[in-house]
N, C-alpha and C. Protein backbone atom coordinates (compact mmCIF):
# COMPACT_ATOMS: atom_id res chain seq x y z
N UNK A 1 29.73 33.96 -26.50
CA UNK A 1 28.63 33.07 -26.94
C UNK A 1 29.24 32.30 -28.04
N UNK A 2 29.78 32.48 -28.85
CA UNK A 2 30.35 31.64 -30.32
C UNK A 2 31.64 30.89 -29.67
N UNK A 3 32.18 31.29 -28.78
CA UNK A 3 33.65 30.88 -28.48
C UNK A 3 34.49 31.24 -29.48
N UNK A 4 34.48 32.11 -30.19
CA UNK A 4 35.62 32.72 -31.32
C UNK A 4 36.58 33.29 -30.94
N UNK A 5 37.94 33.18 -31.63
CA UNK A 5 39.03 33.91 -31.17
C UNK A 5 39.30 34.94 -32.10
N UNK A 6 39.94 36.08 -31.92
CA UNK A 6 40.51 37.03 -32.75
C UNK A 6 41.91 37.38 -32.31
N UNK A 7 42.73 37.65 -33.40
CA UNK A 7 43.89 38.18 -33.38
C UNK A 7 44.15 39.75 -33.98
N UNK A 8 44.56 40.65 -33.11
CA UNK A 8 44.45 41.83 -33.62
C UNK A 8 45.86 42.39 -33.74
N UNK A 9 46.23 43.22 -34.97
CA UNK A 9 47.82 43.71 -34.81
C UNK A 9 47.47 45.00 -35.51
N UNK A 10 48.11 45.94 -34.86
CA UNK A 10 47.75 47.54 -35.27
C UNK A 10 48.60 48.15 -34.35
N UNK A 11 49.08 49.12 -35.08
CA UNK A 11 50.18 49.92 -34.14
C UNK A 11 49.82 50.60 -32.98
N UNK A 12 50.59 51.17 -32.13
CA UNK A 12 50.10 51.72 -30.61
C UNK A 12 49.41 53.15 -31.16
N UNK A 13 48.63 53.13 -30.34
CA UNK A 13 47.52 54.50 -30.51
C UNK A 13 46.54 54.14 -31.24
N UNK A 14 46.33 53.05 -31.92
CA UNK A 14 45.10 53.22 -33.05
C UNK A 14 43.99 52.66 -32.24
N UNK A 15 43.67 52.62 -31.02
CA UNK A 15 42.75 52.23 -30.38
C UNK A 15 42.24 50.93 -30.44
N UNK A 16 43.21 49.89 -30.31
CA UNK A 16 42.78 48.69 -29.73
C UNK A 16 42.13 48.24 -28.44
N UNK A 17 42.59 48.64 -27.65
CA UNK A 17 42.16 48.84 -25.98
C UNK A 17 40.63 49.02 -26.14
N UNK A 18 40.17 50.37 -26.85
CA UNK A 18 39.40 51.17 -26.73
C UNK A 18 38.17 50.57 -27.45
N UNK A 19 38.67 49.62 -28.22
CA UNK A 19 37.98 48.65 -29.14
C UNK A 19 37.17 47.48 -28.81
N UNK A 20 38.43 46.98 -27.91
CA UNK A 20 38.09 45.81 -27.04
C UNK A 20 37.30 46.10 -25.87
N UNK A 21 37.28 47.07 -25.28
CA UNK A 21 36.58 47.93 -23.99
C UNK A 21 35.26 47.89 -24.55
N UNK A 22 35.14 48.52 -25.70
CA UNK A 22 33.82 48.73 -26.03
C UNK A 22 32.90 47.55 -26.34
N UNK A 23 33.65 46.57 -27.21
CA UNK A 23 33.02 45.49 -27.34
C UNK A 23 32.66 44.64 -26.38
N UNK A 24 33.56 44.40 -25.22
CA UNK A 24 33.23 43.91 -23.97
C UNK A 24 32.11 44.45 -23.23
N UNK A 25 32.18 45.89 -23.06
CA UNK A 25 31.21 46.33 -22.22
C UNK A 25 29.60 46.21 -23.25
N UNK A 26 29.75 46.30 -24.56
CA UNK A 26 28.53 46.09 -25.17
C UNK A 26 27.60 44.67 -24.93
N UNK A 27 28.96 43.78 -24.89
CA UNK A 27 28.35 42.33 -24.56
C UNK A 27 27.83 42.31 -23.09
N UNK A 28 28.25 42.84 -22.08
CA UNK A 28 28.25 42.98 -20.35
C UNK A 28 26.68 43.34 -20.84
N UNK A 29 26.40 44.32 -21.64
CA UNK A 29 24.82 45.02 -21.37
C UNK A 29 24.08 44.22 -21.74
N UNK A 30 24.17 43.51 -23.11
CA UNK A 30 23.40 42.82 -23.58
C UNK A 30 23.31 41.32 -22.79
N UNK A 31 24.30 40.93 -21.81
CA UNK A 31 24.08 39.54 -21.23
C UNK A 31 23.28 40.08 -20.05
N UNK A 32 23.32 41.26 -19.52
CA UNK A 32 22.85 41.62 -18.36
C UNK A 32 21.25 41.85 -18.69
N UNK A 33 21.00 42.33 -19.85
CA UNK A 33 19.65 42.55 -20.41
C UNK A 33 19.02 41.07 -20.51
N UNK A 34 19.50 40.41 -21.26
CA UNK A 34 18.98 39.16 -21.42
C UNK A 34 18.47 38.57 -20.05
N UNK A 35 19.70 38.44 -18.88
CA UNK A 35 19.65 37.67 -17.86
C UNK A 35 18.27 38.45 -17.01
N UNK A 36 18.09 39.82 -17.21
CA UNK A 36 16.87 40.14 -16.71
C UNK A 36 15.56 39.92 -17.32
N UNK A 37 15.39 39.65 -18.65
CA UNK A 37 14.49 39.28 -19.13
C UNK A 37 14.00 37.70 -19.09
N UNK A 38 15.27 36.78 -18.45
CA UNK A 38 15.02 35.56 -18.10
C UNK A 38 14.38 35.65 -16.90
N UNK A 39 14.62 36.47 -15.89
CA UNK A 39 14.24 36.61 -14.45
C UNK A 39 13.10 36.99 -14.56
N UNK A 40 12.46 37.82 -15.16
CA UNK A 40 10.94 38.22 -15.41
C UNK A 40 10.08 37.12 -15.78
N UNK A 41 10.98 36.41 -17.26
CA UNK A 41 10.17 35.43 -17.80
C UNK A 41 9.70 34.31 -16.84
N UNK A 42 10.75 33.92 -16.07
CA UNK A 42 10.90 33.03 -14.88
C UNK A 42 9.84 33.16 -13.88
N UNK A 43 9.63 34.66 -13.16
CA UNK A 43 8.84 35.01 -12.37
C UNK A 43 7.25 35.04 -12.90
N UNK A 44 7.43 35.32 -14.23
CA UNK A 44 5.94 35.23 -14.93
C UNK A 44 5.37 33.94 -14.85
N UNK A 45 6.28 32.89 -15.38
CA UNK A 45 6.10 31.47 -15.21
C UNK A 45 5.70 30.78 -13.83
N UNK A 46 6.22 31.21 -12.80
CA UNK A 46 5.96 31.09 -11.24
C UNK A 46 4.80 31.53 -11.03
N UNK A 47 4.52 32.79 -11.47
CA UNK A 47 3.14 33.38 -11.23
C UNK A 47 1.96 32.54 -12.11
N UNK A 48 2.19 32.29 -13.00
CA UNK A 48 1.25 31.54 -13.81
C UNK A 48 1.15 29.97 -13.26
N UNK A 49 2.04 29.56 -12.87
CA UNK A 49 2.08 28.31 -12.12
C UNK A 49 1.40 28.42 -10.78
N UNK A 50 1.45 29.54 -10.00
CA UNK A 50 0.89 29.54 -8.79
C UNK A 50 -0.66 30.22 -9.08
N UNK A 51 -0.92 30.59 -10.20
CA UNK A 51 -2.52 30.91 -10.68
C UNK A 51 -3.10 29.43 -10.97
N UNK A 52 -2.37 28.63 -11.80
CA UNK A 52 -3.12 27.36 -11.96
C UNK A 52 -3.16 26.67 -11.02
N UNK A 53 -1.91 26.46 -10.19
CA UNK A 53 -2.17 25.65 -8.86
C UNK A 53 -3.26 26.06 -7.86
N UNK A 54 -3.76 27.57 -7.87
CA UNK A 54 -4.86 28.02 -7.34
C UNK A 54 -5.99 27.75 -7.80
N UNK A 55 -6.29 27.70 -9.03
CA UNK A 55 -7.43 27.39 -9.81
C UNK A 55 -7.82 25.61 -9.85
N UNK A 56 -6.61 24.92 -9.92
CA UNK A 56 -6.66 23.59 -9.54
C UNK A 56 -7.24 23.20 -8.14
N UNK A 57 -6.45 24.17 -7.28
CA UNK A 57 -7.38 23.76 -5.83
C UNK A 57 -8.49 24.33 -5.85
N UNK A 58 -9.06 25.02 -6.33
CA UNK A 58 -10.20 25.73 -6.00
C UNK A 58 -11.26 24.52 -6.79
N UNK A 59 -10.68 24.23 -7.82
CA UNK A 59 -11.56 23.22 -8.75
C UNK A 59 -11.79 21.95 -7.91
N UNK A 60 -10.65 21.43 -7.19
CA UNK A 60 -10.63 20.05 -6.69
C UNK A 60 -11.39 20.69 -5.31
N UNK A 61 -11.85 21.66 -4.67
CA UNK A 61 -12.44 21.65 -3.99
C UNK A 61 -13.82 21.71 -4.25
N UNK A 62 -14.13 22.26 -5.42
CA UNK A 62 -15.76 22.35 -6.03
C UNK A 62 -16.00 21.09 -6.32
N UNK A 63 -14.97 20.17 -6.96
CA UNK A 63 -15.36 18.91 -7.68
C UNK A 63 -15.65 18.16 -6.05
N UNK A 64 -14.83 18.25 -5.15
CA UNK A 64 -15.27 17.28 -3.99
C UNK A 64 -16.33 17.80 -3.32
N UNK A 65 -16.87 19.06 -3.42
CA UNK A 65 -17.95 19.56 -2.96
C UNK A 65 -19.18 18.93 -3.57
N UNK A 66 -19.24 19.15 -4.98
CA UNK A 66 -19.90 18.41 -5.92
C UNK A 66 -20.11 17.08 -5.73
N UNK A 67 -19.23 16.12 -5.48
CA UNK A 67 -19.36 14.62 -5.18
C UNK A 67 -20.21 14.35 -3.79
N UNK A 68 -19.55 15.25 -2.94
CA UNK A 68 -20.10 15.14 -1.20
C UNK A 68 -21.90 15.36 -1.64
N UNK A 69 -22.13 16.36 -2.39
CA UNK A 69 -23.66 16.82 -2.57
C UNK A 69 -24.20 15.87 -3.32
N UNK A 70 -23.73 15.19 -4.33
CA UNK A 70 -24.27 13.78 -4.97
C UNK A 70 -24.47 12.70 -3.90
N UNK A 71 -23.37 12.46 -3.33
CA UNK A 71 -23.55 11.01 -2.45
C UNK A 71 -25.00 11.61 -1.39
N UNK A 72 -24.80 12.90 -0.83
CA UNK A 72 -26.09 13.02 -0.07
C UNK A 72 -27.37 12.85 -0.65
N UNK A 73 -27.34 13.29 -2.13
CA UNK A 73 -28.62 13.10 -2.85
C UNK A 73 -28.96 11.84 -2.98
N UNK A 74 -27.85 10.78 -3.36
CA UNK A 74 -28.05 9.50 -3.37
C UNK A 74 -28.45 8.74 -2.04
N UNK A 75 -27.89 8.97 -0.93
CA UNK A 75 -28.52 8.43 0.40
C UNK A 75 -29.91 8.89 0.54
N UNK A 76 -30.13 10.21 0.00
CA UNK A 76 -31.65 10.69 0.46
C UNK A 76 -32.50 9.93 -0.40
N UNK A 77 -32.22 9.56 -1.75
CA UNK A 77 -33.12 9.06 -2.52
C UNK A 77 -33.13 7.43 -2.14
N UNK A 78 -32.15 6.98 -1.70
CA UNK A 78 -31.85 5.66 -1.49
C UNK A 78 -32.82 5.36 -0.16
N UNK A 79 -32.69 6.40 0.72
CA UNK A 79 -33.63 6.40 2.12
C UNK A 79 -35.21 6.24 1.61
N UNK A 80 -35.62 7.16 0.83
CA UNK A 80 -36.83 7.35 0.28
C UNK A 80 -37.31 6.09 -0.37
N UNK A 81 -36.32 5.71 -1.26
CA UNK A 81 -36.94 4.51 -1.79
C UNK A 81 -37.19 3.24 -0.84
N UNK A 82 -36.34 3.48 0.01
CA UNK A 82 -36.42 1.92 1.12
C UNK A 82 -37.88 2.27 1.87
N UNK A 83 -38.02 3.60 2.10
CA UNK A 83 -39.46 3.93 2.99
C UNK A 83 -40.73 3.63 1.89
N UNK A 84 -40.21 3.70 0.49
CA UNK A 84 -41.41 3.52 -0.02
C UNK A 84 -41.90 2.31 -0.23
N UNK A 85 -40.62 1.23 -0.11
CA UNK A 85 -40.77 -0.22 -0.41
C UNK A 85 -41.31 -0.58 0.75
N UNK A 86 -40.79 0.27 1.90
CA UNK A 86 -41.42 -0.48 3.31
C UNK A 86 -42.67 -0.19 3.35
N UNK A 87 -43.41 0.90 2.76
CA UNK A 87 -44.50 1.37 2.60
C UNK A 87 -45.58 0.22 1.74
N UNK A 88 -44.95 -0.10 0.72
CA UNK A 88 -45.66 -0.96 -0.42
C UNK A 88 -45.66 -2.38 0.43
N UNK A 89 -44.52 -2.81 1.33
CA UNK A 89 -45.01 -4.35 1.99
C UNK A 89 -45.86 -4.27 3.12
N UNK A 90 -45.90 -3.15 3.70
CA UNK A 90 -46.89 -2.84 4.84
C UNK A 90 -48.42 -2.97 4.23
N UNK A 91 -48.28 -2.06 2.82
CA UNK A 91 -49.93 -2.43 2.24
C UNK A 91 -49.94 -3.78 1.84
N UNK A 92 -49.16 -4.47 1.24
CA UNK A 92 -49.43 -6.11 0.98
C UNK A 92 -49.87 -6.60 1.94
N UNK A 93 -48.73 -6.65 3.18
CA UNK A 93 -49.20 -7.37 4.35
C UNK A 93 -50.60 -7.01 4.96
N UNK A 94 -50.92 -5.64 5.09
CA UNK A 94 -52.29 -5.07 5.57
C UNK A 94 -53.41 -5.65 4.76
N UNK A 95 -53.15 -5.72 3.20
CA UNK A 95 -53.99 -6.08 2.26
C UNK A 95 -54.40 -7.70 2.27
N UNK A 96 -53.00 -8.33 2.68
CA UNK A 96 -52.94 -10.02 2.93
C UNK A 96 -53.97 -10.15 4.20
N UNK A 97 -53.55 -9.32 5.17
CA UNK A 97 -54.49 -9.48 6.43
C UNK A 97 -55.99 -9.52 6.32
N UNK A 98 -56.34 -8.44 5.67
CA UNK A 98 -57.66 -7.86 5.38
C UNK A 98 -58.33 -8.99 4.66
N UNK A 99 -57.52 -9.71 3.65
CA UNK A 99 -58.11 -10.59 2.74
C UNK A 99 -58.20 -11.94 3.75
N UNK A 100 -57.10 -12.13 4.64
CA UNK A 100 -57.30 -13.61 5.25
C UNK A 100 -58.61 -13.15 6.18
N UNK A 101 -58.72 -11.85 6.68
CA UNK A 101 -60.05 -11.51 7.77
C UNK A 101 -61.22 -11.89 6.88
N UNK A 102 -61.36 -11.49 5.71
CA UNK A 102 -62.68 -11.54 4.86
C UNK A 102 -62.90 -13.04 4.64
N UNK A 103 -61.91 -13.92 4.27
CA UNK A 103 -61.76 -15.19 4.22
C UNK A 103 -62.29 -15.95 5.33
N UNK A 104 -61.73 -15.36 6.55
CA UNK A 104 -62.26 -15.91 7.78
C UNK A 104 -63.68 -15.64 8.21
N UNK A 105 -64.11 -14.59 7.83
CA UNK A 105 -65.55 -14.04 7.99
C UNK A 105 -66.70 -14.64 6.88
N UNK A 106 -66.19 -15.06 5.83
CA UNK A 106 -67.10 -15.68 4.70
C UNK A 106 -67.15 -17.23 5.04
N UNK A 107 -66.08 -17.91 5.59
CA UNK A 107 -65.96 -19.31 6.01
C UNK A 107 -67.32 -19.58 7.02
N UNK A 108 -67.18 -18.13 7.88
CA UNK A 108 -67.92 -18.80 9.16
C UNK A 108 -69.32 -18.38 8.86
N UNK A 109 -69.47 -17.65 7.92
CA UNK A 109 -70.89 -17.67 7.48
C UNK A 109 -71.59 -18.76 6.60
């Protein structure tokens, strides 16, 4: 990991090979353990990302549904407003017609 070198000098049979093999095997175990932990961490992150995507998708669907419902309400309200305006105009026209008739009747008298 640190890329350092070492020079060992010892007499035959003192265990140089065993010491190097032990250190190499310990390093290998630690390396494999870290690799497994990294894989688990990566998998958890992918699962979390999938969960967020799922939530985001569900949230997006909910928002779209809410917007559609609001648009329907607005259209309904607009339609109701137009009907109210139409009725008001009809009443005005009817009232004007009645006034015209009354004026006509009173002039004839």
